[in-house]
C-alpha atoms as a PDB file:
ATOM      1  CA  UNK A   1      -2.181  12.878 -14.672  1.00  0.00           C
ATOM      2  CA  UNK A   2      -5.854  13.168 -15.764  1.00  0.00           C
ATOM      3  CA  UNK A   3      -5.238  12.421 -19.196  1.00  0.00           C
ATOM      4  CA  UNK A   4      -8.608  13.087 -20.508  1.00  0.00           C
ATOM      5  CA  UNK A   5      -8.261  16.582 -18.609  1.00  0.00           C
ATOM      6  CA  UNK A   6      -4.950  17.022 -20.260  1.00  0.00           C
ATOM      7  CA  UNK A   7      -6.424  16.522 -23.948  1.00  0.00           C
ATOM      8  CA  UNK A   8      -9.036  19.104 -23.213  1.00  0.00           C
ATOM      9  CA  UNK A   9      -6.477  21.622 -21.977  1.00  0.00           C
ATOM     10  CA  UNK A  10      -4.291  21.269 -24.862  1.00  0.00           C
ATOM     11  CA  UNK A  11      -7.174  21.450 -27.113  1.00  0.00           C
ATOM     12  CA  UNK A  12      -8.231  24.590 -25.613  1.00  0.00           C
ATOM     13  CA  UNK A  13      -4.762  26.172 -25.717  1.00  0.00           C
ATOM     14  CA  UNK A  14      -4.957  25.417 -29.366  1.00  0.00           C
ATOM     15  CA  UNK A  15      -2.077  22.863 -29.009  1.00  0.00           C
ATOM     16  CA  UNK A  16      -1.367  20.254 -31.672  1.00  0.00           C
ATOM     17  CA  UNK A  17      -2.079  16.429 -30.868  1.00  0.00           C
ATOM     18  CA  UNK A  18       1.818  15.379 -30.697  1.00  0.00           C
ATOM     19  CA  UNK A  19       2.146  17.570 -27.524  1.00  0.00           C
ATOM     20  CA  UNK A  20      -0.029  14.855 -25.389  1.00  0.00           C
ATOM     21  CA  UNK A  21       2.493  12.554 -26.613  1.00  0.00           C
ATOM     22  CA  UNK A  22       5.526  14.611 -25.716  1.00  0.00           C
ATOM     23  CA  UNK A  23       4.051  15.188 -21.917  1.00  0.00           C
ATOM     24  CA  UNK A  24       3.221  11.501 -21.831  1.00  0.00           C
ATOM     25  CA  UNK A  25       6.999  10.436 -22.785  1.00  0.00           C
ATOM     26  CA  UNK A  26       8.230  12.907 -20.036  1.00  0.00           C
ATOM     27  CA  UNK A  27       5.766  11.677 -17.332  1.00  0.00           C
ATOM     28  CA  UNK A  28       6.803   7.808 -18.198  1.00  0.00           C
ATOM     29  CA  UNK A  29      10.331   8.654 -17.483  1.00  0.00           C
ATOM     30  CA  UNK A  30       9.810  10.118 -14.174  1.00  0.00           C
ATOM     31  CA  UNK A  31       9.527  13.897 -14.665  1.00  0.00           C
ATOM     32  CA  UNK A  32       8.058  15.531 -11.525  1.00  0.00           C
ATOM     33  CA  UNK A  33       6.815  18.882 -13.123  1.00  0.00           C
ATOM     34  CA  UNK A  34       6.095  20.587 -16.359  1.00  0.00           C
ATOM     35  CA  UNK A  35       8.844  22.871 -15.879  1.00  0.00           C
ATOM     36  CA  UNK A  36      11.420  20.083 -16.824  1.00  0.00           C
ATOM     37  CA  UNK A  37       9.687  19.177 -20.105  1.00  0.00           C
ATOM     38  CA  UNK A  38      12.187  21.378 -21.964  1.00  0.00           C
ATOM     39  CA  UNK A  39      11.070  20.510 -25.449  1.00  0.00           C
ATOM     40  CA  UNK A  40       7.570  22.147 -24.614  1.00  0.00           C
ATOM     41  CA  UNK A  41       7.616  26.004 -25.379  1.00  0.00           C
ATOM     42  CA  UNK A  42       8.041  28.012 -21.972  1.00  0.00           C
ATOM     43  CA  UNK A  43       4.716  29.673 -22.203  1.00  0.00           C
ATOM     44  CA  UNK A  44       2.792  26.143 -22.449  1.00  0.00           C
ATOM     45  CA  UNK A  45       4.596  24.833 -19.444  1.00  0.00           C
ATOM     46  CA  UNK A  46       3.704  28.003 -17.672  1.00  0.00           C
ATOM     47  CA  UNK A  47       0.022  27.658 -18.790  1.00  0.00           C
ATOM     48  CA  UNK A  48      -0.151  24.054 -17.759  1.00  0.00           C
ATOM     49  CA  UNK A  49       1.251  24.531 -14.583  1.00  0.00           C
ATOM     50  CA  UNK A  50      -1.402  27.253 -14.004  1.00  0.00           C
ATOM     51  CA  UNK A  51      -4.110  25.168 -15.371  1.00  0.00           C
ATOM     52  CA  UNK A  52      -3.341  21.521 -14.405  1.00  0.00           C
ATOM     53  CA  UNK A  53      -2.679  19.284 -11.722  1.00  0.00           C
ATOM     54  CA  UNK A  54       0.240  17.437 -12.172  1.00  0.00           C
ATOM     55  CA  UNK A  55      -1.506  14.407 -10.780  1.00  0.00           C
ATOM     56  CA  UNK A  56      -4.735  13.131 -10.157  1.00  0.00           C
ATOM     57  CA  UNK A  57      -3.640  11.895  -6.877  1.00  0.00           C
ATOM     58  CA  UNK A  58      -2.194  14.055  -3.830  1.00  0.00           C
ATOM     59  CA  UNK A  59       0.349  12.183  -1.533  1.00  0.00           C
ATOM     60  CA  UNK A  60      -0.922  12.504   2.110  1.00  0.00           C
ATOM     61  CA  UNK A  61       2.070  10.492   3.477  1.00  0.00           C
ATOM     62  CA  UNK A  62       4.556   7.593   2.807  1.00  0.00           C
ATOM     63  CA  UNK A  63       5.853   4.731   5.339  1.00  0.00           C
ATOM     64  CA  UNK A  64       8.993   2.988   4.853  1.00  0.00           C
ATOM     65  CA  UNK A  65       9.322  -0.686   6.349  1.00  0.00           C
ATOM     66  CA  UNK A  66      12.806  -2.218   7.587  1.00  0.00           C
ATOM     67  CA  UNK A  67      12.960  -4.279   4.340  1.00  0.00           C
ATOM     68  CA  UNK A  68      12.917  -1.408   2.027  1.00  0.00           C
ATOM     69  CA  UNK A  69       9.160  -1.595   1.090  1.00  0.00           C
ATOM     70  CA  UNK A  70       7.376   1.771   0.819  1.00  0.00           C
ATOM     71  CA  UNK A  71       3.827   2.230   1.169  1.00  0.00           C
ATOM     72  CA  UNK A  72       2.118   5.733  -0.353  1.00  0.00           C
ATOM     73  CA  UNK A  73      -1.328   6.758   0.975  1.00  0.00           C
ATOM     74  CA  UNK A  74      -3.023   9.061  -1.754  1.00  0.00           C
ATOM     75  CA  UNK A  75      -5.981  11.033  -1.792  1.00  0.00           C
ATOM     76  CA  UNK A  76      -7.931  11.291  -5.048  1.00  0.00           C
ATOM     77  CA  UNK A  77      -9.330  14.949  -6.146  1.00  0.00           C
ATOM     78  CA  UNK A  78     -12.731  13.939  -4.303  1.00  0.00           C
ATOM     79  CA  UNK A  79     -10.772  12.832  -1.130  1.00  0.00           C
ATOM     80  CA  UNK A  80     -10.904   8.987  -1.464  1.00  0.00           C
ATOM     81  CA  UNK A  81      -8.193   7.230   0.139  1.00  0.00           C
ATOM     82  CA  UNK A  82      -5.818   4.893  -2.117  1.00  0.00           C
ATOM     83  CA  UNK A  83      -2.824   2.902  -1.028  1.00  0.00           C
ATOM     84  CA  UNK A  84       0.011   1.663  -3.296  1.00  0.00           C
ATOM     85  CA  UNK A  85       3.071  -0.212  -2.525  1.00  0.00           C
ATOM     86  CA  UNK A  86       6.596  -0.180  -3.768  1.00  0.00           C
ATOM     87  CA  UNK A  87       8.468  -3.577  -2.972  1.00  0.00           C
ATOM     88  CA  UNK A  88      12.189  -4.111  -3.719  1.00  0.00           C
ATOM     89  CA  UNK A  89      13.739  -7.474  -3.791  1.00  0.00           C
ATOM     90  CA  UNK A  90      17.063  -9.039  -3.388  1.00  0.00           C
ATOM     91  CA  UNK A  91      18.115 -12.519  -4.156  1.00  0.00           C
ATOM     92  CA  UNK A  92      16.553 -14.606  -1.387  1.00  0.00           C
ATOM     93  CA  UNK A  93      19.252 -16.602   0.997  1.00  0.00           C
ATOM     94  CA  UNK A  94      18.207 -19.980   2.416  1.00  0.00           C
ATOM     95  CA  UNK A  95      14.516 -19.606   1.776  1.00  0.00           C
ATOM     96  CA  UNK A  96      13.345 -22.943   0.770  1.00  0.00           C
ATOM     97  CA  UNK A  97      10.649 -22.525  -1.674  1.00  0.00           C
ATOM     98  CA  UNK A  98      10.879 -18.950  -2.229  1.00  0.00           C
ATOM     99  CA  UNK A  99      10.487 -17.630  -5.811  1.00  0.00           C
ATOM    100  CA  UNK A 100      13.614 -16.966  -7.069  1.00  0.00           C
ATOM    101  CA  UNK A 101      12.163 -14.874 -10.215  1.00  0.00           C
ATOM    102  CA  UNK A 102      11.359 -11.796  -7.401  1.00  0.00           C
ATOM    103  CA  UNK A 103      14.963 -11.166  -6.971  1.00  0.00           C
ATOM    104  CA  UNK A 104      15.945  -7.758  -8.305  1.00  0.00           C
ATOM    105  CA  UNK A 105      12.374  -6.654  -8.697  1.00  0.00           C
ATOM    106  CA  UNK A 106      11.122  -3.172  -8.261  1.00  0.00           C
ATOM    107  CA  UNK A 107       7.605  -4.162  -8.080  1.00  0.00           C
ATOM    108  CA  UNK A 108       4.357  -1.968  -7.621  1.00  0.00           C
ATOM    109  CA  UNK A 109       1.274  -3.253  -5.794  1.00  0.00           C
ATOM    110  CA  UNK A 110      -1.438  -1.192  -7.409  1.00  0.00           C
ATOM    111  CA  UNK A 111      -5.165  -0.462  -6.195  1.00  0.00           C
ATOM    112  CA  UNK A 112      -7.962  -0.451  -8.555  1.00  0.00           C
ATOM    113  CA  UNK A 113     -10.612   0.624  -6.398  1.00  0.00           C
ATOM    114  CA  UNK A 114     -10.811   2.907  -2.880  1.00  0.00           C
ATOM    115  CA  UNK A 115     -11.689   0.292  -0.599  1.00  0.00           C
ATOM    116  CA  UNK A 116     -13.298  -2.990  -1.794  1.00  0.00           C
ATOM    117  CA  UNK A 117     -16.887  -4.049  -1.780  1.00  0.00           C
ATOM    118  CA  UNK A 118     -16.154  -7.575  -1.221  1.00  0.00           C
ATOM    119  CA  UNK A 119     -15.803  -8.766   2.091  1.00  0.00           C
ATOM    120  CA  UNK A 120     -13.242 -11.379   2.432  1.00  0.00           C
ATOM    121  CA  UNK A 121     -13.016 -12.191   6.093  1.00  0.00           C
ATOM    122  CA  UNK A 122      -9.147 -12.177   6.466  1.00  0.00           C
ATOM    123  CA  UNK A 123      -8.535  -9.088   4.395  1.00  0.00           C
ATOM    124  CA  UNK A 124      -8.138  -5.602   5.938  1.00  0.00           C
ATOM    125  CA  UNK A 125      -9.247  -3.672   2.758  1.00  0.00           C
ATOM    126  CA  UNK A 126     -12.594  -5.698   2.761  1.00  0.00           C
ATOM    127  CA  UNK A 127     -13.550  -4.389   6.310  1.00  0.00           C
ATOM    128  CA  UNK A 128     -13.097  -0.696   5.132  1.00  0.00           C
ATOM    129  CA  UNK A 129     -15.605   1.246   3.508  1.00  0.00           C
ATOM    130  CA  UNK A 130     -16.143   1.001  -0.246  1.00  0.00           C
ATOM    131  CA  UNK A 131     -15.808   4.297  -2.117  1.00  0.00           C
ATOM    132  CA  UNK A 132     -15.625   3.975  -5.765  1.00  0.00           C
ATOM    133  CA  UNK A 133     -13.747   2.629  -8.643  1.00  0.00           C
ATOM    134  CA  UNK A 134     -10.570   4.403  -9.678  1.00  0.00           C
ATOM    135  CA  UNK A 135     -10.280   5.913 -13.203  1.00  0.00           C
ATOM    136  CA  UNK A 136      -7.455   4.823 -15.393  1.00  0.00           C
ATOM    137  CA  UNK A 137      -5.658   7.957 -14.815  1.00  0.00           C
ATOM    138  CA  UNK A 138      -5.729   7.298 -10.824  1.00  0.00           C
ATOM    139  CA  UNK A 139      -4.445   3.994 -11.249  1.00  0.00           C
ATOM    140  CA  UNK A 140      -1.401   5.189 -13.695  1.00  0.00           C
ATOM    141  CA  UNK A 141      -0.676   7.801 -11.314  1.00  0.00           C
ATOM    142  CA  UNK A 142       0.037   5.418  -8.556  1.00  0.00           C
ATOM    143  CA  UNK A 143       2.864   3.876 -10.696  1.00  0.00           C
ATOM    144  CA  UNK A 144       4.032   7.218 -11.950  1.00  0.00           C
ATOM    145  CA  UNK A 145       4.379   8.449  -8.141  1.00  0.00           C
ATOM    146  CA  UNK A 146       6.771   5.540  -7.571  1.00  0.00           C
ATOM    147  CA  UNK A 147       8.402   5.782 -11.026  1.00  0.00           C
ATOM    148  CA  UNK A 148       9.594   9.348 -10.026  1.00  0.00           C
ATOM    149  CA  UNK A 149      11.789   7.820  -7.407  1.00  0.00           C
ATOM    150  CA  UNK A 150      13.293   5.373 -10.048  1.00  0.00           C
ATOM    151  CA  UNK A 151      12.763   2.635 -12.643  1.00  0.00           C
ATOM    152  CA  UNK A 152      10.023   0.029 -11.772  1.00  0.00           C
ATOM    153  CA  UNK A 153       9.698  -3.287 -13.723  1.00  0.00           C
ATOM    154  CA  UNK A 154       6.909  -5.489 -12.287  1.00  0.00           C
ATOM    155  CA  UNK A 155       3.289  -4.601 -11.334  1.00  0.00           C
ATOM    156  CA  UNK A 156       0.230  -6.598  -9.439  1.00  0.00           C
ATOM    157  CA  UNK A 157      -2.962  -5.281  -9.234  1.00  0.00           C
ATOM    158  CA  UNK A 158      -3.225  -6.990  -5.577  1.00  0.00           C
ATOM    159  CA  UNK A 159      -3.955  -3.783  -3.833  1.00  0.00           C
ATOM    160  CA  UNK A 160      -7.389  -2.085  -2.734  1.00  0.00           C
ATOM    161  CA  UNK A 161     -10.214  -3.460  -4.591  1.00  0.00           C
ATOM    162  CA  UNK A 162     -11.387  -6.228  -7.135  1.00  0.00           C
ATOM    163  CA  UNK A 163      -9.827  -5.349 -10.344  1.00  0.00           C
ATOM    164  CA  UNK A 164     -12.232  -7.447 -12.341  1.00  0.00           C
ATOM    165  CA  UNK A 165     -14.977  -5.131 -11.215  1.00  0.00           C
ATOM    166  CA  UNK A 166     -13.230  -1.999 -12.758  1.00  0.00           C
ATOM    167  CA  UNK A 167     -11.611  -3.992 -15.630  1.00  0.00           C
ATOM    168  CA  UNK A 168     -12.131  -1.157 -18.188  1.00  0.00           C
ATOM    169  CA  UNK A 169     -10.179   1.023 -16.072  1.00  0.00           C
ATOM    170  CA  UNK A 170      -7.545  -1.404 -15.277  1.00  0.00           C
ATOM    171  CA  UNK A 171      -6.894  -2.495 -18.909  1.00  0.00           C
ATOM    172  CA  UNK A 172      -6.666   1.196 -19.919  1.00  0.00           C
ATOM    173  CA  UNK A 173      -3.957   1.664 -17.225  1.00  0.00           C
ATOM    174  CA  UNK A 174      -2.157  -1.662 -17.967  1.00  0.00           C
ATOM    175  CA  UNK A 175      -1.732  -0.403 -21.796  1.00  0.00           C
ATOM    176  CA  UNK A 176       0.301   2.738 -20.740  1.00  0.00           C
ATOM    177  CA  UNK A 177       2.404   0.784 -18.169  1.00  0.00           C
ATOM    178  CA  UNK A 178       4.977  -0.813 -20.888  1.00  0.00           C
ATOM    179  CA  UNK A 179       5.802   2.950 -21.349  1.00  0.00           C
ATOM    180  CA  UNK A 180       6.886   3.310 -17.746  1.00  0.00           C
ATOM    181  CA  UNK A 181       9.098   0.223 -17.483  1.00  0.00           C
ATOM    182  CA  UNK A 182       6.295  -2.667 -16.984  1.00  0.00           C
ATOM    183  CA  UNK A 183       5.722  -5.025 -19.674  1.00  0.00           C
ATOM    184  CA  UNK A 184       2.251  -6.791 -20.275  1.00  0.00           C
ATOM    185  CA  UNK A 185       4.097 -10.122 -19.421  1.00  0.00           C
ATOM    186  CA  UNK A 186       5.322  -8.617 -15.982  1.00  0.00           C
ATOM    187  CA  UNK A 187       2.149  -7.217 -15.044  1.00  0.00           C
ATOM    188  CA  UNK A 188      -0.804  -9.620 -13.244  1.00  0.00           C
ATOM    189  CA  UNK A 189      -3.965  -9.063 -12.340  1.00  0.00           C
ATOM    190  CA  UNK A 190      -5.568 -10.907  -9.161  1.00  0.00           C
ATOM    191  CA  UNK A 191      -9.243 -11.986  -8.628  1.00  0.00           C
ATOM    192  CA  UNK A 192     -11.391 -13.560  -5.949  1.00  0.00           C
ATOM    193  CA  UNK A 193     -13.040 -15.244  -8.929  1.00  0.00           C
ATOM    194  CA  UNK A 194     -15.111 -12.550 -10.516  1.00  0.00           C
ATOM    195  CA  UNK A 195     -15.989 -14.697 -13.553  1.00  0.00           C
ATOM    196  CA  UNK A 196     -16.854 -11.973 -15.966  1.00  0.00           C
ATOM    197  CA  UNK A 197     -13.907 -10.325 -15.542  1.00  0.00           C
ATOM    198  CA  UNK A 198     -11.443 -13.456 -15.942  1.00  0.00           C
ATOM    199  CA  UNK A 199     -13.422 -14.341 -19.121  1.00  0.00           C
ATOM    200  CA  UNK A 200     -12.940 -10.728 -20.444  1.00  0.00           C
ATOM    201  CA  UNK A 201      -9.409 -10.845 -19.573  1.00  0.00           C
ATOM    202  CA  UNK A 202      -8.980 -14.052 -21.648  1.00  0.00           C
ATOM    203  CA  UNK A 203     -10.484 -12.528 -24.527  1.00  0.00           C
ATOM    204  CA  UNK A 204      -8.051  -9.453 -24.358  1.00  0.00           C
ATOM    205  CA  UNK A 205      -4.778  -9.474 -26.677  1.00  0.00           C
ATOM    206  CA  UNK A 206      -2.536  -7.993 -23.883  1.00  0.00           C
ATOM    207  CA  UNK A 207      -0.475 -10.793 -22.399  1.00  0.00           C
ATOM    208  CA  UNK A 208      -1.371  -9.850 -18.856  1.00  0.00           C
ATOM    209  CA  UNK A 209      -0.990 -12.811 -16.093  1.00  0.00           C
ATOM    210  CA  UNK A 210      -4.127 -13.933 -14.030  1.00  0.00           C
ATOM    211  CA  UNK A 211      -3.764 -14.671 -10.302  1.00  0.00           C
ATOM    212  CA  UNK A 212      -6.623 -16.392  -8.318  1.00  0.00           C
ATOM    213  CA  UNK A 213      -7.088 -15.832  -4.753  1.00  0.00           C
ATOM    214  CA  UNK A 214      -8.274 -19.318  -3.785  1.00  0.00           C
ATOM    215  CA  UNK A 215      -7.575 -19.937  -0.041  1.00  0.00           C
ATOM    216  CA  UNK A 216      -9.681 -23.085   0.391  1.00  0.00           C
ATOM    217  CA  UNK A 217     -10.349 -26.236  -1.910  1.00  0.00           C
ATOM    218  CA  UNK A 218     -13.855 -26.410  -1.278  1.00  0.00           C
ATOM    219  CA  UNK A 219     -17.092 -24.622  -1.168  1.00  0.00           C
ATOM    220  CA  UNK A 220     -17.928 -24.413   2.376  1.00  0.00           C
ATOM    221  CA  UNK A 221     -14.821 -23.113   3.719  1.00  0.00           C
ATOM    222  CA  UNK A 222     -14.380 -20.692   0.742  1.00  0.00           C
ATOM    223  CA  UNK A 223     -17.861 -19.261   1.492  1.00  0.00           C
ATOM    224  CA  UNK A 224     -16.971 -18.735   4.975  1.00  0.00           C
ATOM    225  CA  UNK A 225     -13.596 -17.177   3.861  1.00  0.00           C
ATOM    226  CA  UNK A 226     -14.861 -15.222   0.979  1.00  0.00           C
ATOM    227  CA  UNK A 227     -18.594 -14.662   0.417  1.00  0.00           C
ATOM    228  CA  UNK A 228     -18.169 -13.921  -3.185  1.00  0.00           C
ATOM    229  CA  UNK A 229     -17.957 -17.766  -3.415  1.00  0.00           C
ATOM    230  CA  UNK A 230     -21.673 -18.027  -3.170  1.00  0.00           C
ATOM    231  CA  UNK A 231     -22.185 -15.948  -6.277  1.00  0.00           C
ATOM    232  CA  UNK A 232     -19.234 -17.625  -8.174  1.00  0.00           C
ATOM    233  CA  UNK A 233     -18.811 -21.198  -7.159  1.00  0.00           C
ATOM    234  CA  UNK A 234     -15.315 -22.517  -6.985  1.00  0.00           C
ATOM    235  CA  UNK A 235     -15.997 -25.372  -9.816  1.00  0.00           C
ATOM    236  CA  UNK A 236     -17.022 -22.522 -12.226  1.00  0.00           C
ATOM    237  CA  UNK A 237     -13.784 -20.432 -11.313  1.00  0.00           C
ATOM    238  CA  UNK A 238     -11.539 -22.732 -11.878  1.00  0.00           C
ATOM    239  CA  UNK A 239     -13.380 -23.965 -15.150  1.00  0.00           C
ATOM    240  CA  UNK A 240     -12.987 -20.145 -16.094  1.00  0.00           C
ATOM    241  CA  UNK A 241      -9.191 -20.202 -15.220  1.00  0.00           C
ATOM    242  CA  UNK A 242      -8.794 -23.298 -17.219  1.00  0.00           C
ATOM    243  CA  UNK A 243     -10.478 -21.695 -20.235  1.00  0.00           C
ATOM    244  CA  UNK A 244      -7.963 -18.922 -19.965  1.00  0.00           C
ATOM    245  CA  UNK A 245      -4.895 -21.074 -19.737  1.00  0.00           C
ATOM    246  CA  UNK A 246      -6.353 -22.764 -22.942  1.00  0.00           C
ATOM    247  CA  UNK A 247      -6.257 -19.273 -24.853  1.00  0.00           C
ATOM    248  CA  UNK A 248      -3.363 -17.831 -23.106  1.00  0.00           C
ATOM    249  CA  UNK A 249      -1.007 -20.499 -22.767  1.00  0.00           C
ATOM    250  CA  UNK A 250       0.213 -18.805 -19.485  1.00  0.00           C
ATOM    251  CA  UNK A 251      -0.260 -20.638 -16.170  1.00  0.00           C
ATOM    252  CA  UNK A 252      -2.597 -19.205 -13.614  1.00  0.00           C
ATOM    253  CA  UNK A 253      -0.931 -18.067 -10.015  1.00  0.00           C
ATOM    254  CA  UNK A 254      -3.051 -19.549  -7.323  1.00  0.00           C
ATOM    255  CA  UNK A 255      -2.748 -17.290  -3.669  1.00  0.00           C
ATOM    256  CA  UNK A 256      -3.482 -19.105  -0.912  1.00  0.00           C
ATOM    257  CA  UNK A 257      -3.323 -17.700   2.504  1.00  0.00           C
ATOM    258  CA  UNK A 258      -2.218 -19.642   5.188  1.00  0.00           C
ATOM    259  CA  UNK A 259      -4.642 -19.479   8.279  1.00  0.00           C
ATOM    260  CA  UNK A 260      -3.548 -21.535  11.426  1.00  0.00           C
ATOM    261  CA  UNK A 261      -6.123 -24.325  11.995  1.00  0.00           C
ATOM    262  CA  UNK A 262      -8.594 -23.211   9.246  1.00  0.00           C
ATOM    263  CA  UNK A 263      -6.799 -24.050   5.969  1.00  0.00           C
ATOM    264  CA  UNK A 264      -3.543 -25.452   6.769  1.00  0.00           C
ATOM    265  CA  UNK A 265      -3.591 -29.295   7.316  1.00  0.00           C
ATOM    266  CA  UNK A 266      -2.301 -32.146   5.490  1.00  0.00           C
ATOM    267  CA  UNK A 267      -5.797 -33.178   4.304  1.00  0.00           C
ATOM    268  CA  UNK A 268      -6.524 -29.579   2.699  1.00  0.00           C
ATOM    269  CA  UNK A 269      -3.115 -29.507   1.103  1.00  0.00           C
ATOM    270  CA  UNK A 270      -4.048 -33.059  -0.474  1.00  0.00           C
ATOM    271  CA  UNK A 271      -7.595 -31.412  -1.594  1.00  0.00           C
ATOM    272  CA  UNK A 272      -5.943 -28.442  -3.107  1.00  0.00           C
ATOM    273  CA  UNK A 273      -3.575 -30.783  -5.368  1.00  0.00           C
ATOM    274  CA  UNK A 274      -6.697 -32.756  -6.280  1.00  0.00           C
ATOM    275  CA  UNK A 275      -8.685 -29.501  -7.585  1.00  0.00           C
ATOM    276  CA  UNK A 276      -5.723 -27.946  -9.564  1.00  0.00           C
ATOM    277  CA  UNK A 277      -4.030 -29.568 -12.838  1.00  0.00           C
ATOM    278  CA  UNK A 278      -0.371 -28.805 -12.285  1.00  0.00           C
ATOM    279  CA  UNK A 279      -0.032 -28.007 -15.927  1.00  0.00           C
ATOM    280  CA  UNK A 280      -2.153 -24.976 -15.578  1.00  0.00           C
ATOM    281  CA  UNK A 281      -1.991 -23.600 -11.666  1.00  0.00           C
ATOM    282  CA  UNK A 282       0.966 -22.910  -9.918  1.00  0.00           C
ATOM    283  CA  UNK A 283       0.516 -22.274  -6.113  1.00  0.00           C
ATOM    284  CA  UNK A 284       1.915 -19.343  -3.949  1.00  0.00           C
ATOM    285  CA  UNK A 285       1.620 -19.734  -0.339  1.00  0.00           C
ATOM    286  CA  UNK A 286       1.087 -16.394   1.513  1.00  0.00           C
ATOM    287  CA  UNK A 287       2.134 -16.253   5.215  1.00  0.00           C
ATOM    288  CA  UNK A 288      -1.062 -14.573   7.051  1.00  0.00           C
ATOM    289  CA  UNK A 289      -0.378 -10.850   7.809  1.00  0.00           C
ATOM    290  CA  UNK A 290      -2.019  -9.693  11.067  1.00  0.00           C
ATOM    291  CA  UNK A 291      -5.156  -7.609  10.485  1.00  0.00           C
ATOM    292  CA  UNK A 292      -8.150  -7.174  12.803  1.00  0.00           C
ATOM    293  CA  UNK A 293      -9.660 -10.318  11.493  1.00  0.00           C
ATOM    294  CA  UNK A 294      -9.849 -13.137  14.101  1.00  0.00           C
ATOM    295  CA  UNK A 295      -7.217 -15.592  12.260  1.00  0.00           C
ATOM    296  CA  UNK A 296      -3.670 -16.308  13.050  1.00  0.00           C
ATOM    297  CA  UNK A 297      -1.033 -17.336  10.858  1.00  0.00           C
ATOM    298  CA  UNK A 298       0.342 -20.941  10.054  1.00  0.00           C
ATOM    299  CA  UNK A 299       3.841 -21.723  11.590  1.00  0.00           C
ATOM    300  CA  UNK A 300       6.695 -21.871   9.228  1.00  0.00           C
ATOM    301  CA  UNK A 301       6.767 -25.256   9.796  1.00  0.00           C
ATOM    302  CA  UNK A 302       3.339 -25.820   8.923  1.00  0.00           C
ATOM    303  CA  UNK A 303       3.527 -23.608   5.811  1.00  0.00           C
ATOM    304  CA  UNK A 304       6.439 -26.008   4.688  1.00  0.00           C
ATOM    305  CA  UNK A 305       4.869 -29.160   5.417  1.00  0.00           C
ATOM    306  CA  UNK A 306       1.794 -27.864   3.262  1.00  0.00           C
ATOM    307  CA  UNK A 307       4.093 -26.961   0.335  1.00  0.00           C
ATOM    308  CA  UNK A 308       6.399 -30.061   0.623  1.00  0.00           C
ATOM    309  CA  UNK A 309       2.818 -32.055   0.393  1.00  0.00           C
ATOM    310  CA  UNK A 310       1.529 -30.167  -2.846  1.00  0.00           C
ATOM    311  CA  UNK A 311       4.931 -31.011  -4.400  1.00  0.00           C
ATOM    312  CA  UNK A 312       4.459 -34.514  -3.447  1.00  0.00           C
ATOM    313  CA  UNK A 313       1.496 -34.290  -5.326  1.00  0.00           C
ATOM    314  CA  UNK A 314       2.931 -33.088  -8.262  1.00  0.00           C
ATOM    315  CA  UNK A 315       1.727 -29.255  -7.762  1.00  0.00           C
ATOM    316  CA  UNK A 316       4.562 -26.540  -7.938  1.00  0.00           C
ATOM    317  CA  UNK A 317       4.184 -24.344  -5.046  1.00  0.00           C
ATOM    318  CA  UNK A 318       6.429 -21.185  -3.602  1.00  0.00           C
ATOM    319  CA  UNK A 319       5.909 -19.342  -0.414  1.00  0.00           C
ATOM    320  CA  UNK A 320       5.530 -15.620  -0.926  1.00  0.00           C
ATOM    321  CA  UNK A 321       8.406 -13.486   0.718  1.00  0.00           C
ATOM    322  CA  UNK A 322       6.438 -11.327   3.016  1.00  0.00           C
ATOM    323  CA  UNK A 323       7.093  -7.320   2.517  1.00  0.00           C
ATOM    324  CA  UNK A 324       6.223  -4.685   4.515  1.00  0.00           C
ATOM    325  CA  UNK A 325       4.408  -5.971   7.291  1.00  0.00           C
ATOM    326  CA  UNK A 326       5.779  -3.499   9.934  1.00  0.00           C
ATOM    327  CA  UNK A 327       4.058  -0.789   8.148  1.00  0.00           C
ATOM    328  CA  UNK A 328       0.747  -2.682   7.229  1.00  0.00           C
ATOM    329  CA  UNK A 329       1.874  -2.836   3.579  1.00  0.00           C
ATOM    330  CA  UNK A 330       1.808  -6.872   3.246  1.00  0.00           C
ATOM    331  CA  UNK A 331      -0.713  -8.541   1.453  1.00  0.00           C
ATOM    332  CA  UNK A 332      -4.206  -8.087   2.975  1.00  0.00           C
ATOM    333  CA  UNK A 333      -3.526  -5.366   5.185  1.00  0.00           C
ATOM    334  CA  UNK A 334      -4.144  -1.984   2.849  1.00  0.00           C
ATOM    335  CA  UNK A 335      -6.862  -0.168   4.933  1.00  0.00           C
ATOM    336  CA  UNK A 336      -5.927   3.411   4.867  1.00  0.00           C
ATOM    337  CA  UNK A 337      -5.593   3.447   8.754  1.00  0.00           C
ATOM    338  CA  UNK A 338      -5.971   6.907  10.083  1.00  0.00           C
ATOM    339  CA  UNK A 339      -7.087   8.142   6.744  1.00  0.00           C
END
């Protein structure tokens, strides 16, 4: 819901300030209309229904994957496409190196922008047109969309966009997530290495986890894969992450997409281990999900060998469980195709 517009509407209707808190409590518990908000006077419910859209986003369509992942294509009021994803997890069986902490989660992948102005070569979002930053209400409404279908308990800002370029709205949204069921410690913000945003997050009191989208351990390859590295070189990004750890005392997750013949060799595993302090960083290896980019994913054997070498070097590493690939909902695939 557009919360500033709600405040304005309540004021115009002469309502006391506590009405906003009542309405937010219903929203955060999964209410799907004003009519169900039974502690509001009927006349107020009717007036709100006539004057105010229940959500700042409109659902255009949903897709459901074989593994239970749900991807929603939503539209802002000015027609901008936004995709958000709900991932449900069961305990992994026989997946070596998989993250056991994922078991049992109902986790949201939220977008902070419609499109993305950064052009990471392997990412479908980076290849689509950038529209604009999302408001805090538009970010929260992605979470509320899925909350209406059941409880949610984790969130990652790994959907469309670079969250650190829209950090005011992202942090405003994060402040509301605990009421929905997602604590700050179960919220992560992923960045390609946007240093001003990392430093700003470091100064914030909310204990939100930082994730770094890395993908290469040397500047030349990282620049080829992620042009933002020309603006914020790897050494400077890692220093900002170390400062974050010193302040927060929470390890930084490093995301590393596995590209066959590009960044998955034994030597590159050793390079990665050499630049990451195992006290500060933990690596999450991501199987490449097909996009229009000219890359192929590393084989399971190559991924396991890479993971094992990192472990031999003393660096903790897990392999991400791929979710929603058959509906283009997996990491790097959000592009609002057909929108």
